[in-house]
Structure formats: structure tokens, C-alpha cells
Amino acid sequence: MNANKRRAIFETLQELNPHPATELEYTTPFELLIAVMLSAQATDVSVNKAMRTMFPVANTPQSIFALGEEGVAGYIKTIGLYRTKAKNVIATCRILLDRFGGEVPDDREALESLPGVGRKTANVILNTAFGHPVIAVDTHIFRVANRTGLAPGKDVRAVEIALEKFTPAAFQHDAHHWLILHGRYVCKARRPECWHCAIEPLCEYRPKTPPPEL
């Protein structure tokens, strides 16, 4: 895919959604960190539902740490892998309190030192909470980047590198949100909905998917 076509894809996505945002509900970098940690192998809807109950009660490293693993588990038991996630949340709160003054660090290495925080989660925090022009590649973005020809790669790291290389600077901050939303609602895994895709004329996926029969 050439540079002009890539730019046109991002221009189209920007026109449709000038100010994209995560669908996770949060008010502070710490709330976002916890929500993203819980969203692994879970839906944003399920995380938001659980956090609407927990955050009014505890939404700081101090208050969540005070809940303990069992307390956190009680709030997130509807989310997959909740026991492991509760353990990681408490361990993360302890580290934030002991090493970072209770603040979420604006630094990749520091973020990745937290239990349950890998490169993808760190990128989400750096981008969404702190405004860094980085792209967190999840399954949706991996699929869209490869299927469309926008930034092919054999694994998520390769796709991340390709997106960083090929995404024009003006679009790098919002690229993560545009692509994840496009993958979630249009360029779906089982059946991409090409018949109402705004970037279909620019996409290099073949064959295009016809609309379902009425």
C-alpha cells in the first residue's frame, strides 16, 4: 500500500470520528490503568459494568489496596480470569505506592514493571492518559492492519513497528482508537462488513464481503 492511500484511509477515519476515544470509562490515569488491566480477554462493556460498582468505593492505589485481593475479586468476578487479575491489581497498587508515590508513571519501562502490564497495556496508558503518539496493537488492530494492507506484520510487534513507520505524524495519536473501533464494529473477524465500510475503496482486502441477503 502506498503512502497516499494510507493517508487517505486515516483522513477518512478522521472525518468520520474527529475525536476518537477509548470505550473504557475512567476519570484518572489510575482508573484507566486498572480498567485496561482488567480488559484483557474481556469486553469493555463487562469492565465498565464492574468498575461502575468498584470505582465509587475505591479508585486510588491506597483505597484499592485496602480492599485486598478478595475485596477486588468480589467486584470483578464477572470478568474473565478475575482471580489472577485481582492479584495483579493489588500487586500493582503496592508497587505504585512503594515506588511511584501512588502515581501512574508516564514511562514505558516503569509501566511494564507492573504486574499484569505488558507492552500493549503500557501503550494504551501512554497514548490515552499521557498523549504519547504510540499505537497499542490488539487483535482488532492486528487484523485490520493485515487485512487492509495498511501495515502488514506476522505478529503484533511487527504490526506496531509498521504502523509507527507508515502512519503520518498528524494521525499517530488517534490511530490506535480509529483502528480498534473499525475492527470492533466494521472490519469484524468472522465477516468483515465491507458493504458499509467507509474505507472499502482504499482497502486491499480481497474478496470483499457482500451484504447479507434479506
N, C-alpha and C. Protein backbone atom coordinates (compact mmCIF):
# COMPACT_ATOMS: atom_id res chain seq x y z
N MET A 1 0.85 -1.19 0.00
CA MET A 1 0.00 0.00 0.00
C MET A 1 0.89 1.24 0.00
N ASN A 2 0.56 2.20 -0.87
CA ASN A 2 1.39 3.40 -0.96
C ASN A 2 1.00 4.45 0.08
N ALA A 3 1.85 5.43 0.24
CA ALA A 3 1.66 6.44 1.28
C ALA A 3 0.39 7.26 1.08
N ASN A 4 0.05 7.56 -0.17
CA ASN A 4 -1.15 8.35 -0.43
C ASN A 4 -2.40 7.61 0.00
N LYS A 5 -2.43 6.31 -0.24
CA LYS A 5 -3.60 5.53 0.15
C LYS A 5 -3.70 5.42 1.67
N ARG A 6 -2.56 5.24 2.33
CA ARG A 6 -2.58 5.20 3.79
C ARG A 6 -3.10 6.50 4.37
N ARG A 7 -2.62 7.61 3.84
CA ARG A 7 -3.08 8.91 4.33
C ARG A 7 -4.58 9.06 4.10
N ALA A 8 -5.04 8.63 2.95
CA ALA A 8 -6.47 8.73 2.64
C ALA A 8 -7.32 7.91 3.60
N ILE A 9 -6.80 6.75 4.02
CA ILE A 9 -7.52 5.92 4.99
C ILE A 9 -7.67 6.67 6.31
N PHE A 10 -6.59 7.23 6.80
CA PHE A 10 -6.66 7.95 8.07
C PHE A 10 -7.49 9.23 7.95
N GLU A 11 -7.42 9.90 6.81
CA GLU A 11 -8.24 11.09 6.61
C GLU A 11 -9.73 10.73 6.66
N THR A 12 -10.06 9.58 6.07
CA THR A 12 -11.46 9.13 6.07
C THR A 12 -11.92 8.79 7.48
N LEU A 13 -11.10 8.06 8.21
CA LEU A 13 -11.45 7.70 9.59
C LEU A 13 -11.55 8.94 10.46
N GLN A 14 -10.69 9.91 10.23
CA GLN A 14 -10.73 11.15 11.00
C GLN A 14 -12.01 11.94 10.70
N GLU A 15 -12.41 11.96 9.44
CA GLU A 15 -13.62 12.68 9.07
C GLU A 15 -14.85 12.07 9.74
N LEU A 16 -14.86 10.74 9.83
CA LEU A 16 -15.99 10.05 10.46
C LEU A 16 -16.00 10.24 11.97
N ASN A 17 -14.82 10.32 12.57
CA ASN A 17 -14.71 10.38 14.03
C ASN A 17 -13.53 11.29 14.39
N PRO A 18 -13.76 12.60 14.43
CA PRO A 18 -12.65 13.54 14.63
C PRO A 18 -11.95 13.41 15.98
N HIS A 19 -12.68 12.96 16.99
CA HIS A 19 -12.10 12.89 18.33
C HIS A 19 -12.37 11.50 18.94
N PRO A 20 -11.68 10.49 18.45
CA PRO A 20 -11.93 9.12 18.94
C PRO A 20 -11.44 8.96 20.37
N ALA A 21 -12.08 8.05 21.09
CA ALA A 21 -11.69 7.82 22.48
C ALA A 21 -11.93 6.36 22.83
N THR A 22 -11.26 5.90 23.87
CA THR A 22 -11.48 4.55 24.35
C THR A 22 -12.91 4.40 24.84
N GLU A 23 -13.43 3.20 24.77
CA GLU A 23 -14.77 2.93 25.28
C GLU A 23 -14.73 2.53 26.75
N LEU A 24 -13.54 2.39 27.30
CA LEU A 24 -13.42 2.15 28.74
C LEU A 24 -13.73 3.46 29.48
N GLU A 25 -14.46 3.35 30.58
CA GLU A 25 -14.85 4.53 31.35
C GLU A 25 -13.82 4.78 32.45
N TYR A 26 -13.31 6.01 32.50
CA TYR A 26 -12.30 6.35 33.51
C TYR A 26 -12.26 7.85 33.71
N THR A 27 -11.72 8.29 34.82
CA THR A 27 -11.57 9.72 35.07
C THR A 27 -10.13 10.10 35.42
N THR A 28 -9.29 9.13 35.73
CA THR A 28 -7.89 9.39 36.08
C THR A 28 -6.99 8.37 35.38
N PRO A 29 -5.71 8.65 35.24
CA PRO A 29 -4.79 7.66 34.69
C PRO A 29 -4.82 6.34 35.47
N PHE A 30 -4.98 6.41 36.78
CA PHE A 30 -5.02 5.18 37.57
C PHE A 30 -6.27 4.36 37.25
N GLU A 31 -7.42 5.00 37.15
CA GLU A 31 -8.63 4.28 36.78
C GLU A 31 -8.47 3.64 35.40
N LEU A 32 -7.85 4.36 34.48
CA LEU A 32 -7.63 3.79 33.15
C LEU A 32 -6.71 2.59 33.23
N LEU A 33 -5.64 2.68 34.00
CA LEU A 33 -4.71 1.57 34.16
C LEU A 33 -5.44 0.33 34.66
N ILE A 34 -6.23 0.47 35.69
CA ILE A 34 -6.96 -0.68 36.24
C ILE A 34 -7.94 -1.23 35.21
N ALA A 35 -8.66 -0.36 34.53
CA ALA A 35 -9.62 -0.81 33.53
C ALA A 35 -8.95 -1.57 32.39
N VAL A 36 -7.82 -1.06 31.92
CA VAL A 36 -7.11 -1.74 30.82
C VAL A 36 -6.56 -3.09 31.29
N MET A 37 -6.03 -3.14 32.50
CA MET A 37 -5.55 -4.42 33.04
C MET A 37 -6.68 -5.45 33.09
N LEU A 38 -7.86 -5.01 33.46
CA LEU A 38 -9.00 -5.93 33.57
C LEU A 38 -9.59 -6.31 32.22
N SER A 39 -9.30 -5.51 31.19
CA SER A 39 -9.94 -5.73 29.89
C SER A 39 -9.29 -6.84 29.07
N ALA A 40 -8.15 -7.36 29.52
CA ALA A 40 -7.51 -8.46 28.79
C ALA A 40 -8.44 -9.67 28.74
N GLN A 41 -8.71 -10.16 27.54
CA GLN A 41 -9.61 -11.29 27.33
C GLN A 41 -10.98 -11.04 27.95
N ALA A 42 -11.40 -9.78 27.90
CA ALA A 42 -12.73 -9.42 28.38
C ALA A 42 -13.22 -8.24 27.54
N THR A 43 -14.51 -7.98 27.59
CA THR A 43 -15.05 -6.87 26.82
C THR A 43 -15.01 -5.58 27.63
N ASP A 44 -14.95 -4.45 26.92
CA ASP A 44 -15.01 -3.16 27.60
C ASP A 44 -16.33 -3.01 28.35
N VAL A 45 -17.39 -3.56 27.78
CA VAL A 45 -18.71 -3.47 28.42
C VAL A 45 -18.69 -4.14 29.80
N SER A 46 -18.09 -5.33 29.87
CA SER A 46 -18.05 -6.05 31.15
C SER A 46 -17.17 -5.33 32.17
N VAL A 47 -16.07 -4.74 31.70
CA VAL A 47 -15.19 -4.00 32.61
C VAL A 47 -15.89 -2.75 33.13
N ASN A 48 -16.53 -2.01 32.22
CA ASN A 48 -17.23 -0.80 32.64
C ASN A 48 -18.31 -1.11 33.67
N LYS A 49 -19.02 -2.20 33.47
CA LYS A 49 -20.09 -2.58 34.40
C LYS A 49 -19.53 -2.84 35.79
N ALA A 50 -18.41 -3.54 35.85
CA ALA A 50 -17.79 -3.84 37.14
C ALA A 50 -17.22 -2.58 37.79
N MET A 51 -16.58 -1.73 36.98
CA MET A 51 -15.95 -0.54 37.54
C MET A 51 -16.97 0.49 38.01
N ARG A 52 -18.16 0.49 37.44
CA ARG A 52 -19.20 1.40 37.93
C ARG A 52 -19.58 1.07 39.37
N THR A 53 -19.31 -0.16 39.77
CA THR A 53 -19.57 -0.57 41.16
C THR A 53 -18.35 -0.34 42.04
N MET A 54 -17.14 -0.66 41.52
CA MET A 54 -15.94 -0.57 42.35
C MET A 54 -15.40 0.83 42.49
N PHE A 55 -15.32 1.59 41.40
CA PHE A 55 -14.67 2.90 41.46
C PHE A 55 -15.33 3.88 42.43
N PRO A 56 -16.66 3.89 42.59
CA PRO A 56 -17.23 4.79 43.60
C PRO A 56 -16.80 4.44 45.03
N VAL A 57 -16.39 3.20 45.23
CA VAL A 57 -15.96 2.75 46.54
C VAL A 57 -14.44 2.89 46.70
N ALA A 58 -13.71 2.52 45.65
CA ALA A 58 -12.24 2.55 45.69
C ALA A 58 -11.72 2.84 44.29
N ASN A 59 -10.99 3.95 44.15
CA ASN A 59 -10.46 4.30 42.82
C ASN A 59 -9.07 4.93 42.90
N THR A 60 -8.35 4.64 43.99
CA THR A 60 -6.96 5.08 44.12
C THR A 60 -6.12 3.87 44.53
N PRO A 61 -4.80 3.94 44.34
CA PRO A 61 -3.97 2.82 44.79
C PRO A 61 -4.17 2.49 46.27
N GLN A 62 -4.31 3.52 47.10
CA GLN A 62 -4.49 3.30 48.53
C GLN A 62 -5.80 2.58 48.83
N SER A 63 -6.89 3.08 48.26
CA SER A 63 -8.20 2.52 48.58
C SER A 63 -8.41 1.13 47.99
N ILE A 64 -7.86 0.88 46.80
CA ILE A 64 -8.00 -0.46 46.22
C ILE A 64 -7.10 -1.44 46.95
N PHE A 65 -5.90 -1.01 47.31
CA PHE A 65 -5.01 -1.88 48.08
C PHE A 65 -5.66 -2.28 49.40
N ALA A 66 -6.39 -1.36 49.98
CA ALA A 66 -7.06 -1.64 51.25
C ALA A 66 -8.16 -2.70 51.11
N LEU A 67 -8.69 -2.84 49.91
CA LEU A 67 -9.72 -3.87 49.68
C LEU A 67 -9.13 -5.27 49.78
N GLY A 68 -7.86 -5.43 49.39
CA GLY A 68 -7.24 -6.75 49.35
C GLY A 68 -7.71 -7.54 48.14
N GLU A 69 -7.05 -8.66 47.88
CA GLU A 69 -7.40 -9.48 46.72
C GLU A 69 -8.85 -9.94 46.74
N GLU A 70 -9.32 -10.39 47.89
CA GLU A 70 -10.70 -10.90 47.98
C GLU A 70 -11.70 -9.78 47.74
N GLY A 71 -11.38 -8.60 48.25
CA GLY A 71 -12.28 -7.48 48.04
C GLY A 71 -12.38 -7.09 46.58
N VAL A 72 -11.23 -7.01 45.90
CA VAL A 72 -11.23 -6.70 44.47
C VAL A 72 -11.93 -7.81 43.69
N ALA A 73 -11.64 -9.06 44.04
CA ALA A 73 -12.26 -10.20 43.35
C ALA A 73 -13.77 -10.13 43.43
N GLY A 74 -14.29 -9.68 44.54
CA GLY A 74 -15.74 -9.58 44.69
C GLY A 74 -16.36 -8.62 43.70
N TYR A 75 -15.64 -7.57 43.35
CA TYR A 75 -16.16 -6.60 42.39
C TYR A 75 -15.99 -7.06 40.94
N ILE A 76 -14.98 -7.87 40.67
CA ILE A 76 -14.66 -8.19 39.27
C ILE A 76 -14.92 -9.65 38.91
N LYS A 77 -15.68 -10.36 39.72
CA LYS A 77 -15.87 -11.80 39.49
C LYS A 77 -16.64 -12.11 38.21
N THR A 78 -17.27 -11.10 37.61
CA THR A 78 -17.96 -11.31 36.33
C THR A 78 -17.01 -11.19 35.14
N ILE A 79 -15.76 -10.82 35.41
CA ILE A 79 -14.76 -10.65 34.35
C ILE A 79 -13.87 -11.88 34.30
N GLY A 80 -13.53 -12.32 33.10
CA GLY A 80 -12.68 -13.49 32.94
C GLY A 80 -11.35 -13.36 33.65
N LEU A 81 -10.86 -14.50 34.18
CA LEU A 81 -9.58 -14.57 34.88
C LEU A 81 -9.53 -13.61 36.07
N TYR A 82 -10.66 -13.47 36.75
CA TYR A 82 -10.75 -12.44 37.78
C TYR A 82 -9.82 -12.67 38.97
N ARG A 83 -9.53 -13.92 39.31
CA ARG A 83 -8.64 -14.18 40.44
C ARG A 83 -7.23 -13.68 40.15
N THR A 84 -6.71 -14.04 38.98
CA THR A 84 -5.37 -13.59 38.59
C THR A 84 -5.33 -12.07 38.47
N LYS A 85 -6.37 -11.50 37.91
CA LYS A 85 -6.41 -10.06 37.74
C LYS A 85 -6.48 -9.34 39.08
N ALA A 86 -7.23 -9.88 40.03
CA ALA A 86 -7.30 -9.27 41.36
C ALA A 86 -5.92 -9.28 42.01
N LYS A 87 -5.22 -10.39 41.85
CA LYS A 87 -3.86 -10.49 42.41
C LYS A 87 -2.94 -9.44 41.79
N ASN A 88 -3.02 -9.29 40.46
CA ASN A 88 -2.17 -8.32 39.77
C ASN A 88 -2.53 -6.89 40.15
N VAL A 89 -3.82 -6.61 40.31
CA VAL A 89 -4.26 -5.26 40.68
C VAL A 89 -3.69 -4.88 42.05
N ILE A 90 -3.78 -5.78 43.00
CA ILE A 90 -3.26 -5.49 44.34
C ILE A 90 -1.74 -5.33 44.31
N ALA A 91 -1.06 -6.20 43.58
CA ALA A 91 0.40 -6.09 43.48
C ALA A 91 0.81 -4.78 42.80
N THR A 92 0.06 -4.39 41.79
CA THR A 92 0.33 -3.12 41.10
C THR A 92 0.12 -1.94 42.04
N CYS A 93 -0.95 -1.97 42.81
CA CYS A 93 -1.20 -0.88 43.76
C CYS A 93 -0.06 -0.77 44.78
N ARG A 94 0.43 -1.91 45.23
CA ARG A 94 1.53 -1.89 46.19
C ARG A 94 2.77 -1.24 45.58
N ILE A 95 3.10 -1.59 44.35
CA ILE A 95 4.28 -1.02 43.69
C ILE A 95 4.10 0.47 43.45
N LEU A 96 2.91 0.86 43.01
CA LEU A 96 2.65 2.29 42.79
C LEU A 96 2.84 3.08 44.08
N LEU A 97 2.39 2.52 45.19
CA LEU A 97 2.53 3.20 46.49
C LEU A 97 3.98 3.22 46.97
N ASP A 98 4.66 2.09 46.80
CA ASP A 98 6.03 1.96 47.32
C ASP A 98 7.07 2.67 46.47
N ARG A 99 6.88 2.66 45.13
CA ARG A 99 7.95 3.14 44.25
C ARG A 99 7.61 4.39 43.45
N PHE A 100 6.33 4.69 43.32
CA PHE A 100 5.96 5.80 42.44
C PHE A 100 5.07 6.83 43.12
N GLY A 101 5.06 6.84 44.43
CA GLY A 101 4.30 7.86 45.15
C GLY A 101 2.81 7.81 44.91
N GLY A 102 2.32 6.63 44.53
CA GLY A 102 0.89 6.48 44.29
C GLY A 102 0.43 7.01 42.95
N GLU A 103 1.37 7.40 42.09
CA GLU A 103 1.04 7.94 40.77
C GLU A 103 1.36 6.93 39.67
N VAL A 104 0.59 6.97 38.59
CA VAL A 104 0.87 6.13 37.43
C VAL A 104 2.03 6.76 36.67
N PRO A 105 3.11 6.02 36.44
CA PRO A 105 4.27 6.61 35.77
C PRO A 105 4.03 6.85 34.28
N ASP A 106 4.56 7.95 33.80
CA ASP A 106 4.49 8.30 32.38
C ASP A 106 5.77 7.81 31.70
N ASP A 107 5.97 6.49 31.74
CA ASP A 107 7.21 5.91 31.27
C ASP A 107 6.97 4.43 30.95
N ARG A 108 7.36 4.01 29.76
CA ARG A 108 7.09 2.64 29.34
C ARG A 108 7.75 1.60 30.24
N GLU A 109 9.03 1.77 30.52
CA GLU A 109 9.74 0.78 31.32
C GLU A 109 9.11 0.64 32.70
N ALA A 110 8.76 1.76 33.29
CA ALA A 110 8.13 1.73 34.62
C ALA A 110 6.77 1.06 34.55
N LEU A 111 6.00 1.37 33.54
CA LEU A 111 4.68 0.74 33.39
C LEU A 111 4.79 -0.77 33.22
N GLU A 112 5.75 -1.19 32.40
CA GLU A 112 5.90 -2.62 32.14
C GLU A 112 6.47 -3.37 33.34
N SER A 113 6.92 -2.65 34.35
CA SER A 113 7.39 -3.30 35.57
C SER A 113 6.23 -3.69 36.48
N LEU A 114 5.03 -3.22 36.16
CA LEU A 114 3.86 -3.50 36.98
C LEU A 114 3.28 -4.87 36.62
N PRO A 115 2.86 -5.65 37.60
CA PRO A 115 2.28 -6.97 37.33
C PRO A 115 1.04 -6.86 36.44
N GLY A 116 0.98 -7.69 35.41
CA GLY A 116 -0.17 -7.68 34.52
C GLY A 116 -0.14 -6.60 33.47
N VAL A 117 0.96 -5.84 33.39
CA VAL A 117 1.07 -4.77 32.40
C VAL A 117 2.16 -5.14 31.39
N GLY A 118 1.72 -5.42 30.17
CA GLY A 118 2.66 -5.70 29.09
C GLY A 118 2.78 -4.50 28.17
N ARG A 119 3.40 -4.70 27.03
CA ARG A 119 3.63 -3.60 26.10
C ARG A 119 2.32 -2.98 25.61
N LYS A 120 1.34 -3.82 25.30
CA LYS A 120 0.08 -3.29 24.77
C LYS A 120 -0.60 -2.39 25.80
N THR A 121 -0.70 -2.86 27.04
CA THR A 121 -1.33 -2.06 28.09
C THR A 121 -0.55 -0.78 28.33
N ALA A 122 0.77 -0.88 28.36
CA ALA A 122 1.60 0.31 28.55
C ALA A 122 1.35 1.33 27.45
N ASN A 123 1.24 0.86 26.22
CA ASN A 123 0.99 1.76 25.10
C ASN A 123 -0.37 2.45 25.23
N VAL A 124 -1.38 1.71 25.69
CA VAL A 124 -2.70 2.32 25.88
C VAL A 124 -2.60 3.45 26.89
N ILE A 125 -1.93 3.21 28.01
CA ILE A 125 -1.80 4.23 29.04
C ILE A 125 -0.99 5.43 28.52
N LEU A 126 0.12 5.16 27.87
CA LEU A 126 0.96 6.24 27.35
C LEU A 126 0.19 7.10 26.34
N ASN A 127 -0.61 6.45 25.50
CA ASN A 127 -1.36 7.17 24.47
C ASN A 127 -2.57 7.89 25.05
N THR A 128 -3.40 7.15 25.77
CA THR A 128 -4.70 7.68 26.18
C THR A 128 -4.61 8.59 27.41
N ALA A 129 -3.78 8.22 28.36
CA ALA A 129 -3.66 9.03 29.58
C ALA A 129 -2.66 10.18 29.44
N PHE A 130 -1.59 9.94 28.66
CA PHE A 130 -0.50 10.92 28.62
C PHE A 130 -0.23 11.53 27.25
N GLY A 131 -0.98 11.10 26.23
CA GLY A 131 -0.89 11.75 24.93
C GLY A 131 0.29 11.38 24.06
N HIS A 132 0.97 10.27 24.37
CA HIS A 132 2.10 9.86 23.53
C HIS A 132 1.59 9.32 22.18
N PRO A 133 2.28 9.58 21.10
CA PRO A 133 1.85 9.09 19.78
C PRO A 133 2.28 7.64 19.55
N VAL A 134 1.82 6.74 20.43
CA VAL A 134 2.15 5.32 20.29
C VAL A 134 0.87 4.56 19.97
N ILE A 135 1.05 3.36 19.40
CA ILE A 135 -0.09 2.57 18.95
C ILE A 135 -0.07 1.21 19.64
N ALA A 136 -1.11 0.94 20.41
CA ALA A 136 -1.24 -0.35 21.09
C ALA A 136 -1.94 -1.32 20.16
N VAL A 137 -1.27 -2.38 19.78
CA VAL A 137 -1.83 -3.32 18.82
C VAL A 137 -2.50 -4.48 19.54
N ASP A 138 -3.83 -4.54 19.44
CA ASP A 138 -4.58 -5.67 19.97
C ASP A 138 -5.03 -6.54 18.81
N THR A 139 -5.92 -7.49 19.06
CA THR A 139 -6.35 -8.40 18.00
C THR A 139 -7.10 -7.65 16.89
N HIS A 140 -7.88 -6.63 17.26
CA HIS A 140 -8.62 -5.87 16.25
C HIS A 140 -7.66 -5.13 15.33
N ILE A 141 -6.71 -4.42 15.92
CA ILE A 141 -5.77 -3.63 15.11
C ILE A 141 -4.87 -4.55 14.28
N PHE A 142 -4.46 -5.66 14.86
CA PHE A 142 -3.64 -6.63 14.12
C PHE A 142 -4.40 -7.10 12.88
N ARG A 143 -5.67 -7.41 13.05
CA ARG A 143 -6.49 -7.88 11.93
C ARG A 143 -6.68 -6.81 10.88
N VAL A 144 -7.05 -5.60 11.30
CA VAL A 144 -7.31 -4.52 10.34
C VAL A 144 -6.03 -4.15 9.58
N ALA A 145 -4.91 -4.07 10.28
CA ALA A 145 -3.66 -3.69 9.64
C ALA A 145 -3.25 -4.70 8.58
N ASN A 146 -3.45 -5.99 8.87
CA ASN A 146 -3.10 -7.02 7.90
C ASN A 146 -4.13 -7.17 6.79
N ARG A 147 -5.39 -7.17 7.15
CA ARG A 147 -6.44 -7.40 6.16
C ARG A 147 -6.50 -6.29 5.13
N THR A 148 -6.39 -5.05 5.58
CA THR A 148 -6.50 -3.92 4.65
C THR A 148 -5.22 -3.70 3.85
N GLY A 149 -4.09 -4.19 4.38
CA GLY A 149 -2.80 -3.91 3.75
C GLY A 149 -2.16 -2.65 4.30
N LEU A 150 -2.79 -2.05 5.31
CA LEU A 150 -2.29 -0.80 5.87
C LEU A 150 -0.90 -0.94 6.48
N ALA A 151 -0.71 -2.01 7.26
CA ALA A 151 0.59 -2.23 7.92
C ALA A 151 0.72 -3.71 8.24
N PRO A 152 0.99 -4.53 7.24
CA PRO A 152 1.07 -5.98 7.48
C PRO A 152 2.23 -6.35 8.39
N GLY A 153 2.02 -7.42 9.14
CA GLY A 153 3.08 -7.93 10.01
C GLY A 153 2.71 -9.30 10.53
N LYS A 154 3.73 -10.12 10.80
CA LYS A 154 3.46 -11.51 11.20
C LYS A 154 3.05 -11.62 12.66
N ASP A 155 3.34 -10.60 13.47
CA ASP A 155 2.93 -10.62 14.86
C ASP A 155 2.63 -9.19 15.30
N VAL A 156 2.13 -9.03 16.53
CA VAL A 156 1.68 -7.71 16.97
C VAL A 156 2.83 -6.69 17.02
N ARG A 157 4.00 -7.13 17.38
CA ARG A 157 5.14 -6.21 17.44
C ARG A 157 5.50 -5.73 16.04
N ALA A 158 5.47 -6.63 15.06
CA ALA A 158 5.78 -6.25 13.69
C ALA A 158 4.75 -5.25 13.16
N VAL A 159 3.48 -5.47 13.51
CA VAL A 159 2.44 -4.54 13.08
C VAL A 159 2.63 -3.18 13.76
N GLU A 160 2.97 -3.19 15.03
CA GLU A 160 3.21 -1.94 15.75
C GLU A 160 4.33 -1.14 15.08
N ILE A 161 5.42 -1.82 14.75
CA ILE A 161 6.55 -1.16 14.10
C ILE A 161 6.14 -0.59 12.75
N ALA A 162 5.36 -1.39 11.99
CA ALA A 162 4.91 -0.94 10.67
C ALA A 162 3.98 0.27 10.79
N LEU A 163 3.08 0.24 11.76
CA LEU A 163 2.17 1.38 11.94
C LEU A 163 2.94 2.64 12.35
N GLU A 164 3.91 2.48 13.22
CA GLU A 164 4.72 3.64 13.63
C GLU A 164 5.47 4.22 12.43
N LYS A 165 5.91 3.34 11.54
CA LYS A 165 6.67 3.77 10.36
C LYS A 165 5.78 4.43 9.31
N PHE A 166 4.60 3.84 9.08
CA PHE A 166 3.79 4.26 7.94
C PHE A 166 2.67 5.24 8.28
N THR A 167 2.33 5.42 9.55
CA THR A 167 1.25 6.34 9.90
C THR A 167 1.76 7.77 9.89
N PRO A 168 1.16 8.65 9.10
CA PRO A 168 1.61 10.05 9.09
C PRO A 168 1.53 10.65 10.49
N ALA A 169 2.46 11.52 10.80
CA ALA A 169 2.58 12.07 12.15
C ALA A 169 1.28 12.68 12.66
N ALA A 170 0.55 13.32 11.77
CA ALA A 170 -0.69 14.00 12.18
C ALA A 170 -1.75 13.05 12.71
N PHE A 171 -1.62 11.76 12.37
CA PHE A 171 -2.64 10.80 12.76
C PHE A 171 -2.17 9.81 13.83
N GLN A 172 -0.92 9.91 14.25
CA GLN A 172 -0.37 8.88 15.13
C GLN A 172 -1.04 8.84 16.50
N HIS A 173 -1.44 9.97 17.02
CA HIS A 173 -2.05 9.96 18.35
C HIS A 173 -3.39 9.24 18.36
N ASP A 174 -4.20 9.41 17.31
CA ASP A 174 -5.55 8.85 17.29
C ASP A 174 -5.65 7.53 16.53
N ALA A 175 -4.58 7.10 15.87
CA ALA A 175 -4.63 5.90 15.04
C ALA A 175 -5.10 4.68 15.82
N HIS A 176 -4.61 4.54 17.05
CA HIS A 176 -5.00 3.39 17.89
C HIS A 176 -6.51 3.29 18.02
N HIS A 177 -7.16 4.40 18.36
CA HIS A 177 -8.61 4.37 18.58
C HIS A 177 -9.37 4.17 17.28
N TRP A 178 -8.96 4.83 16.22
CA TRP A 178 -9.65 4.63 14.95
C TRP A 178 -9.62 3.17 14.51
N LEU A 179 -8.47 2.56 14.59
CA LEU A 179 -8.32 1.20 14.08
C LEU A 179 -9.02 0.18 14.97
N ILE A 180 -8.97 0.36 16.28
CA ILE A 180 -9.63 -0.60 17.16
C ILE A 180 -11.15 -0.52 16.99
N LEU A 181 -11.68 0.69 16.87
CA LEU A 181 -13.12 0.84 16.68
C LEU A 181 -13.56 0.30 15.32
N HIS A 182 -12.72 0.51 14.32
CA HIS A 182 -13.05 -0.01 12.99
C HIS A 182 -13.07 -1.54 13.00
N GLY A 183 -12.11 -2.13 13.69
CA GLY A 183 -12.08 -3.58 13.79
C GLY A 183 -13.21 -4.14 14.62
N ARG A 184 -13.61 -3.41 15.63
CA ARG A 184 -14.67 -3.88 16.54
C ARG A 184 -16.04 -3.84 15.88
N TYR A 185 -16.29 -2.80 15.07
CA TYR A 185 -17.65 -2.59 14.58
C TYR A 185 -17.84 -2.77 13.07
N VAL A 186 -16.77 -2.75 12.30
CA VAL A 186 -16.91 -2.87 10.84
C VAL A 186 -16.07 -4.02 10.30
N CYS A 187 -14.79 -3.96 10.49
CA CYS A 187 -13.89 -4.98 9.93
C CYS A 187 -13.79 -6.15 10.90
N LYS A 188 -14.92 -6.82 11.11
CA LYS A 188 -15.04 -7.86 12.13
C LYS A 188 -14.29 -9.13 11.73
N ALA A 189 -13.96 -9.93 12.72
CA ALA A 189 -13.12 -11.10 12.49
C ALA A 189 -13.77 -12.11 11.56
N ARG A 190 -14.97 -12.54 11.89
CA ARG A 190 -15.59 -13.61 11.10
C ARG A 190 -16.12 -13.15 9.75
N ARG A 191 -16.69 -11.95 9.74
CA ARG A 191 -17.28 -11.45 8.50
C ARG A 191 -17.14 -9.94 8.44
N PRO A 192 -16.11 -9.45 7.78
CA PRO A 192 -15.96 -8.00 7.65
C PRO A 192 -17.14 -7.40 6.90
N GLU A 193 -17.65 -6.30 7.39
CA GLU A 193 -18.85 -5.70 6.80
C GLU A 193 -18.45 -4.67 5.74
N CYS A 194 -17.90 -5.19 4.66
CA CYS A 194 -17.36 -4.35 3.59
C CYS A 194 -18.42 -3.47 2.94
N TRP A 195 -19.69 -3.92 2.98
CA TRP A 195 -20.74 -3.22 2.27
C TRP A 195 -21.07 -1.85 2.89
N HIS A 196 -20.65 -1.60 4.10
CA HIS A 196 -20.86 -0.25 4.65
C HIS A 196 -19.57 0.31 5.25
N CYS A 197 -18.43 -0.12 4.72
CA CYS A 197 -17.14 0.33 5.21
C CYS A 197 -16.70 1.59 4.46
N ALA A 198 -16.40 2.64 5.21
CA ALA A 198 -16.03 3.92 4.60
C ALA A 198 -14.70 3.86 3.87
N ILE A 199 -13.81 2.94 4.29
CA ILE A 199 -12.51 2.86 3.64
C ILE A 199 -12.43 1.71 2.63
N GLU A 200 -13.57 1.11 2.32
CA GLU A 200 -13.58 -0.03 1.38
C GLU A 200 -12.91 0.27 0.05
N PRO A 201 -13.11 1.46 -0.55
CA PRO A 201 -12.44 1.73 -1.82
C PRO A 201 -10.93 1.77 -1.72
N LEU A 202 -10.40 2.00 -0.52
CA LEU A 202 -8.96 2.11 -0.32
C LEU A 202 -8.34 0.81 0.18
N CYS A 203 -9.17 -0.08 0.68
CA CYS A 203 -8.73 -1.33 1.30
C CYS A 203 -8.29 -2.33 0.25
N GLU A 204 -7.23 -3.06 0.53
CA GLU A 204 -6.69 -4.03 -0.43
C GLU A 204 -7.13 -5.46 -0.15
N TYR A 205 -8.11 -5.62 0.74
CA TYR A 205 -8.64 -6.95 1.07
C TYR A 205 -9.44 -7.51 -0.10
N ARG A 206 -9.15 -8.73 -0.42
CA ARG A 206 -9.90 -9.46 -1.44
C ARG A 206 -10.20 -10.87 -0.93
N PRO A 207 -11.41 -11.36 -1.13
CA PRO A 207 -12.53 -10.69 -1.80
C PRO A 207 -13.32 -9.83 -0.82
N LYS A 208 -14.02 -8.83 -1.35
CA LYS A 208 -14.88 -8.03 -0.50
C LYS A 208 -16.09 -8.88 -0.07
N THR A 209 -16.60 -8.56 1.10
CA THR A 209 -17.74 -9.32 1.60
C THR A 209 -19.04 -8.64 1.17
N PRO A 210 -19.92 -9.38 0.49
CA PRO A 210 -21.21 -8.79 0.08
C PRO A 210 -22.15 -8.64 1.27
N PRO A 211 -23.14 -7.79 1.14
CA PRO A 211 -24.11 -7.65 2.24
C PRO A 211 -24.91 -8.94 2.41
N PRO A 212 -25.41 -9.19 3.62
CA PRO A 212 -26.21 -10.39 3.83
C PRO A 212 -27.52 -10.31 3.05
N GLU A 213 -28.00 -11.45 2.64
CA GLU A 213 -29.27 -11.49 1.89
C GLU A 213 -30.41 -11.17 2.84
N LEU A 214 -31.34 -10.39 2.34
CA LEU A 214 -32.51 -10.02 3.15
C LEU A 214 -33.49 -11.18 3.21
